[in-house]
Amino acid sequence: MLKNLFAAIGVYKIYQRWLWYQIKDGKRPEHIAIILDGNRRWATEQEKSPWLTDKWGHKQGADTVEQLLDWCSMINVKYITLYSFSTENFSRQSEEITKIMQIAEERFKKLLVD
């Protein structure tokens, strides 16, 4: 709910401009590491399934990672580390794990040719 409020008042756009201002004339990072988390929470907040429909949380998360990778390429980040699946995630339903791994496989294959 708070996230929706921030989006409505433009906080994310302001934050995006601030981040760009930080790197536009200065040294850009060579390495960025990100822990991917919150796809299920996002889907629940959007009243969507984390993994059962076409617009589910994990797919939206993968789409966001793709946008992130494009941005990193645009600013010439040399190394990106994505922490995407912790050992705790293996306690989820097997169908969800299978879907997450399918998305990962599809996106990794796409990265190899993109």
PDB file of N, CA and C in Angstrom:
ATOM      1  N   MET A   1       0.819  -1.182   0.000  1.00  0.00           N
ATOM      2  CA  MET A   1       0.000   0.000   0.000  1.00  0.00           C
ATOM      3  C   MET A   1       0.870   1.257   0.000  1.00  0.00           C
ATOM      4  N   LEU A   2       1.895   1.295   0.843  1.00  0.00           N
ATOM      5  CA  LEU A   2       2.801   2.429   0.901  1.00  0.00           C
ATOM      6  C   LEU A   2       3.529   2.589  -0.431  1.00  0.00           C
ATOM      7  N   LYS A   3       3.882   1.462  -1.034  1.00  0.00           N
ATOM      8  CA  LYS A   3       4.561   1.486  -2.326  1.00  0.00           C
ATOM      9  C   LYS A   3       3.686   2.174  -3.376  1.00  0.00           C
ATOM     10  N   ASN A   4       2.385   1.875  -3.372  1.00  0.00           N
ATOM     11  CA  ASN A   4       1.459   2.506  -4.308  1.00  0.00           C
ATOM     12  C   ASN A   4       1.381   4.006  -4.067  1.00  0.00           C
ATOM     13  N   LEU A   5       1.398   4.408  -2.810  1.00  0.00           N
ATOM     14  CA  LEU A   5       1.374   5.829  -2.477  1.00  0.00           C
ATOM     15  C   LEU A   5       2.622   6.513  -3.015  1.00  0.00           C
ATOM     16  N   PHE A   6       3.787   5.890  -2.802  1.00  0.00           N
ATOM     17  CA  PHE A   6       5.034   6.464  -3.304  1.00  0.00           C
ATOM     18  C   PHE A   6       5.000   6.600  -4.828  1.00  0.00           C
ATOM     19  N   ALA A   7       4.479   5.591  -5.503  1.00  0.00           N
ATOM     20  CA  ALA A   7       4.376   5.649  -6.960  1.00  0.00           C
ATOM     21  C   ALA A   7       3.438   6.770  -7.383  1.00  0.00           C
ATOM     22  N   ALA A   8       2.331   6.923  -6.671  1.00  0.00           N
ATOM     23  CA  ALA A   8       1.338   7.938  -7.028  1.00  0.00           C
ATOM     24  C   ALA A   8       1.887   9.353  -6.870  1.00  0.00           C
ATOM     25  N   ILE A   9       2.712   9.580  -5.858  1.00  0.00           N
ATOM     26  CA  ILE A   9       3.229  10.927  -5.665  1.00  0.00           C
ATOM     27  C   ILE A   9       4.573  11.142  -6.370  1.00  0.00           C
ATOM     28  N   GLY A  10       5.034  10.151  -7.092  1.00  0.00           N
ATOM     29  CA  GLY A  10       6.235  10.316  -7.909  1.00  0.00           C
ATOM     30  C   GLY A  10       7.550  10.144  -7.198  1.00  0.00           C
ATOM     31  N   VAL A  11       7.561   9.525  -6.030  1.00  0.00           N
ATOM     32  CA  VAL A  11       8.809   9.344  -5.289  1.00  0.00           C
ATOM     33  C   VAL A  11       9.822   8.526  -6.085  1.00  0.00           C
ATOM     34  N   TYR A  12       9.358   7.504  -6.774  1.00  0.00           N
ATOM     35  CA  TYR A  12      10.292   6.665  -7.529  1.00  0.00           C
ATOM     36  C   TYR A  12      10.928   7.430  -8.679  1.00  0.00           C
ATOM     37  N   LYS A  13      10.181   8.297  -9.326  1.00  0.00           N
ATOM     38  CA  LYS A  13      10.754   9.117 -10.402  1.00  0.00           C
ATOM     39  C   LYS A  13      11.797  10.079  -9.850  1.00  0.00           C
ATOM     40  N   ILE A  14      11.525  10.637  -8.676  1.00  0.00           N
ATOM     41  CA  ILE A  14      12.493  11.528  -8.028  1.00  0.00           C
ATOM     42  C   ILE A  14      13.749  10.738  -7.661  1.00  0.00           C
ATOM     43  N   TYR A  15      13.548   9.541  -7.099  1.00  0.00           N
ATOM     44  CA  TYR A  15      14.685   8.687  -6.736  1.00  0.00           C
ATOM     45  C   TYR A  15      15.500   8.308  -7.971  1.00  0.00           C
ATOM     46  N   GLN A  16      14.817   7.986  -9.063  1.00  0.00           N
ATOM     47  CA  GLN A  16      15.497   7.638 -10.303  1.00  0.00           C
ATOM     48  C   GLN A  16      16.350   8.811 -10.788  1.00  0.00           C
ATOM     49  N   ARG A  17      15.818  10.019 -10.749  1.00  0.00           N
ATOM     50  CA  ARG A  17      16.584  11.211 -11.154  1.00  0.00           C
ATOM     51  C   ARG A  17      17.785  11.418 -10.235  1.00  0.00           C
ATOM     52  N   TRP A  18      17.578  11.204  -8.935  1.00  0.00           N
ATOM     53  CA  TRP A  18      18.672  11.370  -7.984  1.00  0.00           C
ATOM     54  C   TRP A  18      19.794  10.368  -8.275  1.00  0.00           C
ATOM     55  N   LEU A  19      19.415   9.106  -8.543  1.00  0.00           N
ATOM     56  CA  LEU A  19      20.433   8.101  -8.867  1.00  0.00           C
ATOM     57  C   LEU A  19      21.204   8.485 -10.117  1.00  0.00           C
ATOM     58  N   TRP A  20      20.477   8.928 -11.148  1.00  0.00           N
ATOM     59  CA  TRP A  20      21.142   9.330 -12.397  1.00  0.00           C
ATOM     60  C   TRP A  20      22.086  10.506 -12.140  1.00  0.00           C
ATOM     61  N   TYR A  21      21.665  11.466 -11.340  1.00  0.00           N
ATOM     62  CA  TYR A  21      22.500  12.618 -11.006  1.00  0.00           C
ATOM     63  C   TYR A  21      23.790  12.162 -10.324  1.00  0.00           C
ATOM     64  N   GLN A  22      23.708  11.121  -9.501  1.00  0.00           N
ATOM     65  CA  GLN A  22      24.871  10.623  -8.784  1.00  0.00           C
ATOM     66  C   GLN A  22      25.948  10.060  -9.706  1.00  0.00           C
ATOM     67  N   ILE A  23      25.537   9.511 -10.853  1.00  0.00           N
ATOM     68  CA  ILE A  23      26.511   8.832 -11.715  1.00  0.00           C
ATOM     69  C   ILE A  23      26.753   9.527 -13.050  1.00  0.00           C
ATOM     70  N   LYS A  24      25.929  10.492 -13.433  1.00  0.00           N
ATOM     71  CA  LYS A  24      25.993  11.036 -14.786  1.00  0.00           C
ATOM     72  C   LYS A  24      27.337  11.679 -15.123  1.00  0.00           C
ATOM     73  N   ASP A  25      27.943  12.377 -14.193  1.00  0.00           N
ATOM     74  CA  ASP A  25      29.213  13.040 -14.464  1.00  0.00           C
ATOM     75  C   ASP A  25      30.376  12.439 -13.688  1.00  0.00           C
ATOM     76  N   GLY A  26      30.090  11.433 -12.907  1.00  0.00           N
ATOM     77  CA  GLY A  26      31.136  10.866 -12.064  1.00  0.00           C
ATOM     78  C   GLY A  26      31.501   9.460 -12.483  1.00  0.00           C
ATOM     79  N   LYS A  27      32.257   8.834 -11.623  1.00  0.00           N
ATOM     80  CA  LYS A  27      32.670   7.463 -11.862  1.00  0.00           C
ATOM     81  C   LYS A  27      31.466   6.542 -11.692  1.00  0.00           C
ATOM     82  N   ARG A  28      31.301   5.658 -12.608  1.00  0.00           N
ATOM     83  CA  ARG A  28      30.184   4.714 -12.553  1.00  0.00           C
ATOM     84  C   ARG A  28      30.654   3.425 -11.880  1.00  0.00           C
ATOM     85  N   PRO A  29      29.723   2.735 -11.239  1.00  0.00           N
ATOM     86  CA  PRO A  29      30.126   1.498 -10.545  1.00  0.00           C
ATOM     87  C   PRO A  29      30.563   0.431 -11.540  1.00  0.00           C
ATOM     88  N   GLU A  30      31.580  -0.328 -11.167  1.00  0.00           N
ATOM     89  CA  GLU A  30      32.011  -1.447 -12.003  1.00  0.00           C
ATOM     90  C   GLU A  30      31.249  -2.719 -11.661  1.00  0.00           C
ATOM     91  N   HIS A  31      30.783  -2.817 -10.415  1.00  0.00           N
ATOM     92  CA  HIS A  31      30.098  -4.025  -9.957  1.00  0.00           C
ATOM     93  C   HIS A  31      28.870  -3.637  -9.144  1.00  0.00           C
ATOM     94  N   ILE A  32      27.755  -4.282  -9.460  1.00  0.00           N
ATOM     95  CA  ILE A  32      26.531  -4.113  -8.694  1.00  0.00           C
ATOM     96  C   ILE A  32      26.059  -5.501  -8.283  1.00  0.00           C
ATOM     97  N   ALA A  33      25.731  -5.663  -7.001  1.00  0.00           N
ATOM     98  CA  ALA A  33      25.193  -6.928  -6.507  1.00  0.00           C
ATOM     99  C   ALA A  33      23.797  -6.665  -5.946  1.00  0.00           C
ATOM    100  N   ILE A  34      22.857  -7.517  -6.303  1.00  0.00           N
ATOM    101  CA  ILE A  34      21.468  -7.316  -5.914  1.00  0.00           C
ATOM    102  C   ILE A  34      20.882  -8.626  -5.412  1.00  0.00           C
ATOM    103  N   ILE A  35      20.174  -8.548  -4.292  1.00  0.00           N
ATOM    104  CA  ILE A  35      19.411  -9.688  -3.795  1.00  0.00           C
ATOM    105  C   ILE A  35      17.995  -9.540  -4.326  1.00  0.00           C
ATOM    106  N   LEU A  36      17.571 -10.487  -5.134  1.00  0.00           N
ATOM    107  CA  LEU A  36      16.228 -10.455  -5.704  1.00  0.00           C
ATOM    108  C   LEU A  36      15.254 -10.999  -4.666  1.00  0.00           C
ATOM    109  N   ASP A  37      14.325 -10.164  -4.260  1.00  0.00           N
ATOM    110  CA  ASP A  37      13.406 -10.554  -3.201  1.00  0.00           C
ATOM    111  C   ASP A  37      12.114  -9.775  -3.379  1.00  0.00           C
ATOM    112  N   GLY A  38      11.009 -10.365  -2.989  1.00  0.00           N
ATOM    113  CA  GLY A  38       9.754  -9.642  -2.937  1.00  0.00           C
ATOM    114  C   GLY A  38       8.775  -9.920  -4.051  1.00  0.00           C
ATOM    115  N   ASN A  39       9.072 -10.865  -4.948  1.00  0.00           N
ATOM    116  CA  ASN A  39       8.147 -11.144  -6.047  1.00  0.00           C
ATOM    117  C   ASN A  39       6.798 -11.650  -5.544  1.00  0.00           C
ATOM    118  N   ARG A  40       6.830 -12.494  -4.546  1.00  0.00           N
ATOM    119  CA  ARG A  40       5.572 -13.020  -3.997  1.00  0.00           C
ATOM    120  C   ARG A  40       4.789 -11.921  -3.284  1.00  0.00           C
ATOM    121  N   ARG A  41       5.501 -11.086  -2.520  1.00  0.00           N
ATOM    122  CA  ARG A  41       4.829  -9.969  -1.844  1.00  0.00           C
ATOM    123  C   ARG A  41       4.209  -9.019  -2.857  1.00  0.00           C
ATOM    124  N   TRP A  42       4.964  -8.709  -3.919  1.00  0.00           N
ATOM    125  CA  TRP A  42       4.450  -7.812  -4.958  1.00  0.00           C
ATOM    126  C   TRP A  42       3.181  -8.397  -5.577  1.00  0.00           C
ATOM    127  N   ALA A  43       3.213  -9.675  -5.906  1.00  0.00           N
ATOM    128  CA  ALA A  43       2.048 -10.319  -6.525  1.00  0.00           C
ATOM    129  C   ALA A  43       0.846 -10.273  -5.582  1.00  0.00           C
ATOM    130  N   THR A  44       1.075 -10.540  -4.312  1.00  0.00           N
ATOM    131  CA  THR A  44      -0.016 -10.503  -3.335  1.00  0.00           C
ATOM    132  C   THR A  44      -0.601  -9.097  -3.226  1.00  0.00           C
ATOM    133  N   GLU A  45       0.260  -8.087  -3.184  1.00  0.00           N
ATOM    134  CA  GLU A  45      -0.217  -6.702  -3.118  1.00  0.00           C
ATOM    135  C   GLU A  45      -1.015  -6.324  -4.367  1.00  0.00           C
ATOM    136  N   GLN A  46      -0.653  -6.904  -5.509  1.00  0.00           N
ATOM    137  CA  GLN A  46      -1.347  -6.624  -6.765  1.00  0.00           C
ATOM    138  C   GLN A  46      -2.552  -7.540  -6.970  1.00  0.00           C
ATOM    139  N   GLU A  47      -2.813  -8.371  -5.961  1.00  0.00           N
ATOM    140  CA  GLU A  47      -3.884  -9.361  -6.013  1.00  0.00           C
ATOM    141  C   GLU A  47      -3.706 -10.306  -7.201  1.00  0.00           C
ATOM    142  N   LYS A  48      -2.461 -10.717  -7.400  1.00  0.00           N
ATOM    143  CA  LYS A  48      -2.113 -11.666  -8.453  1.00  0.00           C
ATOM    144  C   LYS A  48      -1.424 -12.858  -7.809  1.00  0.00           C
ATOM    145  N   SER A  49      -1.378 -13.934  -8.539  1.00  0.00           N
ATOM    146  CA  SER A  49      -0.713 -15.130  -8.036  1.00  0.00           C
ATOM    147  C   SER A  49       0.798 -14.960  -8.150  1.00  0.00           C
ATOM    148  N   PRO A  50       1.544 -15.462  -7.182  1.00  0.00           N
ATOM    149  CA  PRO A  50       2.996 -15.424  -7.329  1.00  0.00           C
ATOM    150  C   PRO A  50       3.488 -16.224  -8.540  1.00  0.00           C
ATOM    151  N   TRP A  51       2.710 -17.261  -8.945  1.00  0.00           N
ATOM    152  CA  TRP A  51       3.255 -18.111 -10.004  1.00  0.00           C
ATOM    153  C   TRP A  51       2.226 -18.822 -10.867  1.00  0.00           C
ATOM    154  N   LEU A  52       0.951 -18.645 -10.677  1.00  0.00           N
ATOM    155  CA  LEU A  52      -0.041 -19.431 -11.408  1.00  0.00           C
ATOM    156  C   LEU A  52      -0.565 -18.804 -12.699  1.00  0.00           C
ATOM    157  N   THR A  53      -0.374 -17.510 -12.906  1.00  0.00           N
ATOM    158  CA  THR A  53      -0.930 -16.860 -14.088  1.00  0.00           C
ATOM    159  C   THR A  53       0.176 -16.248 -14.929  1.00  0.00           C
ATOM    160  N   ASP A  54      -0.209 -15.677 -16.054  1.00  0.00           N
ATOM    161  CA  ASP A  54       0.764 -15.074 -16.958  1.00  0.00           C
ATOM    162  C   ASP A  54       1.403 -13.815 -16.370  1.00  0.00           C
ATOM    163  N   LYS A  55       0.690 -13.118 -15.514  1.00  0.00           N
ATOM    164  CA  LYS A  55       1.211 -11.873 -14.933  1.00  0.00           C
ATOM    165  C   LYS A  55       1.581 -12.073 -13.472  1.00  0.00           C
ATOM    166  N   TRP A  56       2.205 -13.153 -13.159  1.00  0.00           N
ATOM    167  CA  TRP A  56       2.531 -13.496 -11.791  1.00  0.00           C
ATOM    168  C   TRP A  56       3.802 -12.810 -11.321  1.00  0.00           C
ATOM    169  N   GLY A  57       4.006 -12.835 -10.044  1.00  0.00           N
ATOM    170  CA  GLY A  57       5.101 -12.117  -9.411  1.00  0.00           C
ATOM    171  C   GLY A  57       6.473 -12.474  -9.915  1.00  0.00           C
ATOM    172  N   HIS A  58       6.761 -13.752 -10.073  1.00  0.00           N
ATOM    173  CA  HIS A  58       8.105 -14.155 -10.490  1.00  0.00           C
ATOM    174  C   HIS A  58       8.394 -13.715 -11.923  1.00  0.00           C
ATOM    175  N   LYS A  59       7.392 -13.747 -12.786  1.00  0.00           N
ATOM    176  CA  LYS A  59       7.594 -13.285 -14.162  1.00  0.00           C
ATOM    177  C   LYS A  59       7.817 -11.777 -14.181  1.00  0.00           C
ATOM    178  N   GLN A  60       7.045 -11.048 -13.399  1.00  0.00           N
ATOM    179  CA  GLN A  60       7.228  -9.598 -13.324  1.00  0.00           C
ATOM    180  C   GLN A  60       8.617  -9.278 -12.767  1.00  0.00           C
ATOM    181  N   GLY A  61       9.056 -10.059 -11.789  1.00  0.00           N
ATOM    182  CA  GLY A  61      10.397  -9.870 -11.245  1.00  0.00           C
ATOM    183  C   GLY A  61      11.463 -10.091 -12.308  1.00  0.00           C
ATOM    184  N   ALA A  62      11.291 -11.117 -13.122  1.00  0.00           N
ATOM    185  CA  ALA A  62      12.241 -11.392 -14.199  1.00  0.00           C
ATOM    186  C   ALA A  62      12.244 -10.259 -15.220  1.00  0.00           C
ATOM    187  N   ASP A  63      11.070  -9.709 -15.506  1.00  0.00           N
ATOM    188  CA  ASP A  63      10.988  -8.565 -16.425  1.00  0.00           C
ATOM    189  C   ASP A  63      11.745  -7.364 -15.856  1.00  0.00           C
ATOM    190  N   THR A  64      11.622  -7.156 -14.552  1.00  0.00           N
ATOM    191  CA  THR A  64      12.321  -6.051 -13.903  1.00  0.00           C
ATOM    192  C   THR A  64      13.828  -6.265 -13.944  1.00  0.00           C
ATOM    193  N   VAL A  65      14.270  -7.501 -13.746  1.00  0.00           N
ATOM    194  CA  VAL A  65      15.702  -7.804 -13.833  1.00  0.00           C
ATOM    195  C   VAL A  65      16.207  -7.509 -15.247  1.00  0.00           C
ATOM    196  N   GLU A  66      15.416  -7.845 -16.235  1.00  0.00           N
ATOM    197  CA  GLU A  66      15.815  -7.560 -17.616  1.00  0.00           C
ATOM    198  C   GLU A  66      15.988  -6.050 -17.829  1.00  0.00           C
ATOM    199  N   GLN A  67      15.082  -5.253 -17.281  1.00  0.00           N
ATOM    200  CA  GLN A  67      15.209  -3.796 -17.368  1.00  0.00           C
ATOM    201  C   GLN A  67      16.462  -3.326 -16.631  1.00  0.00           C
ATOM    202  N   LEU A  68      16.721  -3.918 -15.476  1.00  0.00           N
ATOM    203  CA  LEU A  68      17.917  -3.587 -14.709  1.00  0.00           C
ATOM    204  C   LEU A  68      19.182  -3.886 -15.514  1.00  0.00           C
ATOM    205  N   LEU A  69      19.226  -5.043 -16.148  1.00  0.00           N
ATOM    206  CA  LEU A  69      20.396  -5.416 -16.937  1.00  0.00           C
ATOM    207  C   LEU A  69      20.594  -4.463 -18.114  1.00  0.00           C
ATOM    208  N   ASP A  70      19.505  -4.039 -18.733  1.00  0.00           N
ATOM    209  CA  ASP A  70      19.600  -3.049 -19.816  1.00  0.00           C
ATOM    210  C   ASP A  70      20.193  -1.747 -19.290  1.00  0.00           C
ATOM    211  N   TRP A  71      19.724  -1.308 -18.119  1.00  0.00           N
ATOM    212  CA  TRP A  71      20.229  -0.078 -17.512  1.00  0.00           C
ATOM    213  C   TRP A  71      21.717  -0.221 -17.195  1.00  0.00           C
ATOM    214  N   CYS A  72      22.111  -1.355 -16.629  1.00  0.00           N
ATOM    215  CA  CYS A  72      23.520  -1.582 -16.302  1.00  0.00           C
ATOM    216  C   CYS A  72      24.381  -1.562 -17.560  1.00  0.00           C
ATOM    217  N   SER A  73      23.870  -2.142 -18.623  1.00  0.00           N
ATOM    218  CA  SER A  73      24.591  -2.125 -19.897  1.00  0.00           C
ATOM    219  C   SER A  73      24.724  -0.691 -20.411  1.00  0.00           C
ATOM    220  N   MET A  74      23.659   0.071 -20.283  1.00  0.00           N
ATOM    221  CA  MET A  74      23.649   1.448 -20.763  1.00  0.00           C
ATOM    222  C   MET A  74      24.701   2.307 -20.052  1.00  0.00           C
ATOM    223  N   ILE A  75      24.930   2.052 -18.766  1.00  0.00           N
ATOM    224  CA  ILE A  75      25.909   2.859 -18.032  1.00  0.00           C
ATOM    225  C   ILE A  75      27.256   2.129 -17.888  1.00  0.00           C
ATOM    226  N   ASN A  76      27.411   1.035 -18.622  1.00  0.00           N
ATOM    227  CA  ASN A  76      28.678   0.296 -18.701  1.00  0.00           C
ATOM    228  C   ASN A  76      29.133  -0.332 -17.389  1.00  0.00           C
ATOM    229  N   VAL A  77      28.195  -0.922 -16.648  1.00  0.00           N
ATOM    230  CA  VAL A  77      28.569  -1.695 -15.466  1.00  0.00           C
ATOM    231  C   VAL A  77      29.180  -2.995 -15.970  1.00  0.00           C
ATOM    232  N   LYS A  78      30.386  -3.310 -15.499  1.00  0.00           N
ATOM    233  CA  LYS A  78      31.101  -4.486 -16.004  1.00  0.00           C
ATOM    234  C   LYS A  78      30.620  -5.793 -15.383  1.00  0.00           C
ATOM    235  N   TYR A  79      30.264  -5.771 -14.095  1.00  0.00           N
ATOM    236  CA  TYR A  79      29.920  -6.998 -13.379  1.00  0.00           C
ATOM    237  C   TYR A  79      28.602  -6.818 -12.623  1.00  0.00           C
ATOM    238  N   ILE A  80      27.758  -7.813 -12.721  1.00  0.00           N
ATOM    239  CA  ILE A  80      26.484  -7.803 -12.015  1.00  0.00           C
ATOM    240  C   ILE A  80      26.318  -9.151 -11.332  1.00  0.00           C
ATOM    241  N   THR A  81      26.048  -9.125 -10.049  1.00  0.00           N
ATOM    242  CA  THR A  81      25.780 -10.350  -9.303  1.00  0.00           C
ATOM    243  C   THR A  81      24.321 -10.313  -8.873  1.00  0.00           C
ATOM    244  N   LEU A  82      23.583 -11.340  -9.243  1.00  0.00           N
ATOM    245  CA  LEU A  82      22.182 -11.449  -8.855  1.00  0.00           C
ATOM    246  C   LEU A  82      22.029 -12.647  -7.929  1.00  0.00           C
ATOM    247  N   TYR A  83      21.628 -12.388  -6.710  1.00  0.00           N
ATOM    248  CA  TYR A  83      21.322 -13.454  -5.768  1.00  0.00           C
ATOM    249  C   TYR A  83      19.834 -13.733  -5.940  1.00  0.00           C
ATOM    250  N   SER A  84      19.514 -14.877  -6.535  1.00  0.00           N
ATOM    251  CA  SER A  84      18.135 -15.055  -6.972  1.00  0.00           C
ATOM    252  C   SER A  84      17.357 -16.182  -6.306  1.00  0.00           C
ATOM    253  N   PHE A  85      18.007 -17.125  -5.702  1.00  0.00           N
ATOM    254  CA  PHE A  85      17.264 -18.254  -5.149  1.00  0.00           C
ATOM    255  C   PHE A  85      18.022 -18.807  -3.949  1.00  0.00           C
ATOM    256  N   SER A  86      17.532 -18.506  -2.767  1.00  0.00           N
ATOM    257  CA  SER A  86      18.214 -18.954  -1.559  1.00  0.00           C
ATOM    258  C   SER A  86      17.831 -20.396  -1.227  1.00  0.00           C
ATOM    259  N   THR A  87      18.571 -20.992  -0.329  1.00  0.00           N
ATOM    260  CA  THR A  87      18.265 -22.367   0.076  1.00  0.00           C
ATOM    261  C   THR A  87      16.888 -22.458   0.725  1.00  0.00           C
ATOM    262  N   GLU A  88      16.448 -21.385   1.390  1.00  0.00           N
ATOM    263  CA  GLU A  88      15.112 -21.384   1.997  1.00  0.00           C
ATOM    264  C   GLU A  88      14.011 -21.505   0.941  1.00  0.00           C
ATOM    265  N   ASN A  89      14.282 -21.032  -0.276  1.00  0.00           N
ATOM    266  CA  ASN A  89      13.277 -21.095  -1.337  1.00  0.00           C
ATOM    267  C   ASN A  89      12.933 -22.530  -1.729  1.00  0.00           C
ATOM    268  N   PHE A  90      13.799 -23.468  -1.439  1.00  0.00           N
ATOM    269  CA  PHE A  90      13.517 -24.860  -1.782  1.00  0.00           C
ATOM    270  C   PHE A  90      12.416 -25.466  -0.921  1.00  0.00           C
ATOM    271  N   SER A  91      11.978 -24.748   0.105  1.00  0.00           N
ATOM    272  CA  SER A  91      10.876 -25.252   0.927  1.00  0.00           C
ATOM    273  C   SER A  91       9.512 -24.870   0.353  1.00  0.00           C
ATOM    274  N   ARG A  92       9.494 -24.157  -0.743  1.00  0.00           N
ATOM    275  CA  ARG A  92       8.234 -23.768  -1.388  1.00  0.00           C
ATOM    276  C   ARG A  92       7.622 -24.966  -2.106  1.00  0.00           C
ATOM    277  N   GLN A  93       6.393 -24.781  -2.595  1.00  0.00           N
ATOM    278  CA  GLN A  93       5.725 -25.845  -3.347  1.00  0.00           C
ATOM    279  C   GLN A  93       6.557 -26.205  -4.578  1.00  0.00           C
ATOM    280  N   SER A  94       6.609 -27.481  -4.888  1.00  0.00           N
ATOM    281  CA  SER A  94       7.447 -27.935  -6.005  1.00  0.00           C
ATOM    282  C   SER A  94       7.031 -27.301  -7.328  1.00  0.00           C
ATOM    283  N   GLU A  95       5.720 -27.049  -7.506  1.00  0.00           N
ATOM    284  CA  GLU A  95       5.255 -26.420  -8.747  1.00  0.00           C
ATOM    285  C   GLU A  95       5.821 -25.006  -8.883  1.00  0.00           C
ATOM    286  N   GLU A  96       5.885 -24.274  -7.771  1.00  0.00           N
ATOM    287  CA  GLU A  96       6.424 -22.918  -7.810  1.00  0.00           C
ATOM    288  C   GLU A  96       7.922 -22.947  -8.107  1.00  0.00           C
ATOM    289  N   ILE A  97       8.640 -23.862  -7.482  1.00  0.00           N
ATOM    290  CA  ILE A  97      10.078 -23.988  -7.741  1.00  0.00           C
ATOM    291  C   ILE A  97      10.315 -24.304  -9.211  1.00  0.00           C
ATOM    292  N   THR A  98       9.526 -25.222  -9.760  1.00  0.00           N
ATOM    293  CA  THR A  98       9.659 -25.581 -11.171  1.00  0.00           C
ATOM    294  C   THR A  98       9.442 -24.364 -12.062  1.00  0.00           C
ATOM    295  N   LYS A  99       8.404 -23.576 -11.770  1.00  0.00           N
ATOM    296  CA  LYS A  99       8.132 -22.374 -12.567  1.00  0.00           C
ATOM    297  C   LYS A  99       9.271 -21.369 -12.469  1.00  0.00           C
ATOM    298  N   ILE A 100       9.784 -21.160 -11.277  1.00  0.00           N
ATOM    299  CA  ILE A 100      10.890 -20.209 -11.103  1.00  0.00           C
ATOM    300  C   ILE A 100      12.098 -20.673 -11.917  1.00  0.00           C
ATOM    301  N   MET A 101      12.407 -21.954 -11.860  1.00  0.00           N
ATOM    302  CA  MET A 101      13.552 -22.481 -12.606  1.00  0.00           C
ATOM    303  C   MET A 101      13.317 -22.399 -14.123  1.00  0.00           C
ATOM    304  N   GLN A 102      12.070 -22.580 -14.548  1.00  0.00           N
ATOM    305  CA  GLN A 102      11.757 -22.432 -15.975  1.00  0.00           C
ATOM    306  C   GLN A 102      12.002 -20.997 -16.438  1.00  0.00           C
ATOM    307  N   ILE A 103      11.565 -20.040 -15.625  1.00  0.00           N
ATOM    308  CA  ILE A 103      11.801 -18.631 -15.967  1.00  0.00           C
ATOM    309  C   ILE A 103      13.297 -18.354 -16.041  1.00  0.00           C
ATOM    310  N   ALA A 104      14.028 -18.829 -15.043  1.00  0.00           N
ATOM    311  CA  ALA A 104      15.475 -18.604 -15.019  1.00  0.00           C
ATOM    312  C   ALA A 104      16.124 -19.189 -16.271  1.00  0.00           C
ATOM    313  N   GLU A 105      15.752 -20.392 -16.629  1.00  0.00           N
ATOM    314  CA  GLU A 105      16.323 -21.022 -17.818  1.00  0.00           C
ATOM    315  C   GLU A 105      16.002 -20.212 -19.078  1.00  0.00           C
ATOM    316  N   GLU A 106      14.743 -19.799 -19.219  1.00  0.00           N
ATOM    317  CA  GLU A 106      14.340 -19.004 -20.386  1.00  0.00           C
ATOM    318  C   GLU A 106      15.131 -17.701 -20.465  1.00  0.00           C
ATOM    319  N   ARG A 107      15.249 -17.019 -19.342  1.00  0.00           N
ATOM    320  CA  ARG A 107      15.936 -15.722 -19.342  1.00  0.00           C
ATOM    321  C   ARG A 107      17.435 -15.875 -19.555  1.00  0.00           C
ATOM    322  N   PHE A 108      18.047 -16.930 -18.989  1.00  0.00           N
ATOM    323  CA  PHE A 108      19.470 -17.142 -19.222  1.00  0.00           C
ATOM    324  C   PHE A 108      19.746 -17.435 -20.696  1.00  0.00           C
ATOM    325  N   LYS A 109      18.894 -18.240 -21.306  1.00  0.00           N
ATOM    326  CA  LYS A 109      19.044 -18.520 -22.743  1.00  0.00           C
ATOM    327  C   LYS A 109      18.903 -17.247 -23.569  1.00  0.00           C
ATOM    328  N   LYS A 110      17.953 -16.411 -23.179  1.00  0.00           N
ATOM    329  CA  LYS A 110      17.762 -15.138 -23.886  1.00  0.00           C
ATOM    330  C   LYS A 110      18.996 -14.251 -23.744  1.00  0.00           C
ATOM    331  N   LEU A 111      19.595 -14.220 -22.550  1.00  0.00           N
ATOM    332  CA  LEU A 111      20.806 -13.429 -22.334  1.00  0.00           C
ATOM    333  C   LEU A 111      21.964 -13.881 -23.211  1.00  0.00           C
ATOM    334  N   LEU A 112      22.016 -15.171 -23.461  1.00  0.00           N
ATOM    335  CA  LEU A 112      23.118 -15.698 -24.275  1.00  0.00           C
ATOM    336  C   LEU A 112      23.067 -15.223 -25.720  1.00  0.00           C
ATOM    337  N   VAL A 113      21.873 -14.923 -26.206  1.00  0.00           N
ATOM    338  CA  VAL A 113      21.742 -14.497 -27.617  1.00  0.00           C
ATOM    339  C   VAL A 113      21.415 -13.016 -27.756  1.00  0.00           C
ATOM    340  N   ASP A 114      21.106 -12.343 -26.660  1.00  0.00           N
ATOM    341  CA  ASP A 114      20.732 -10.930 -26.716  1.00  0.00           C
ATOM    342  C   ASP A 114      21.961 -10.045 -26.604  1.00  0.00           C
TER     343      ASP A 114
END
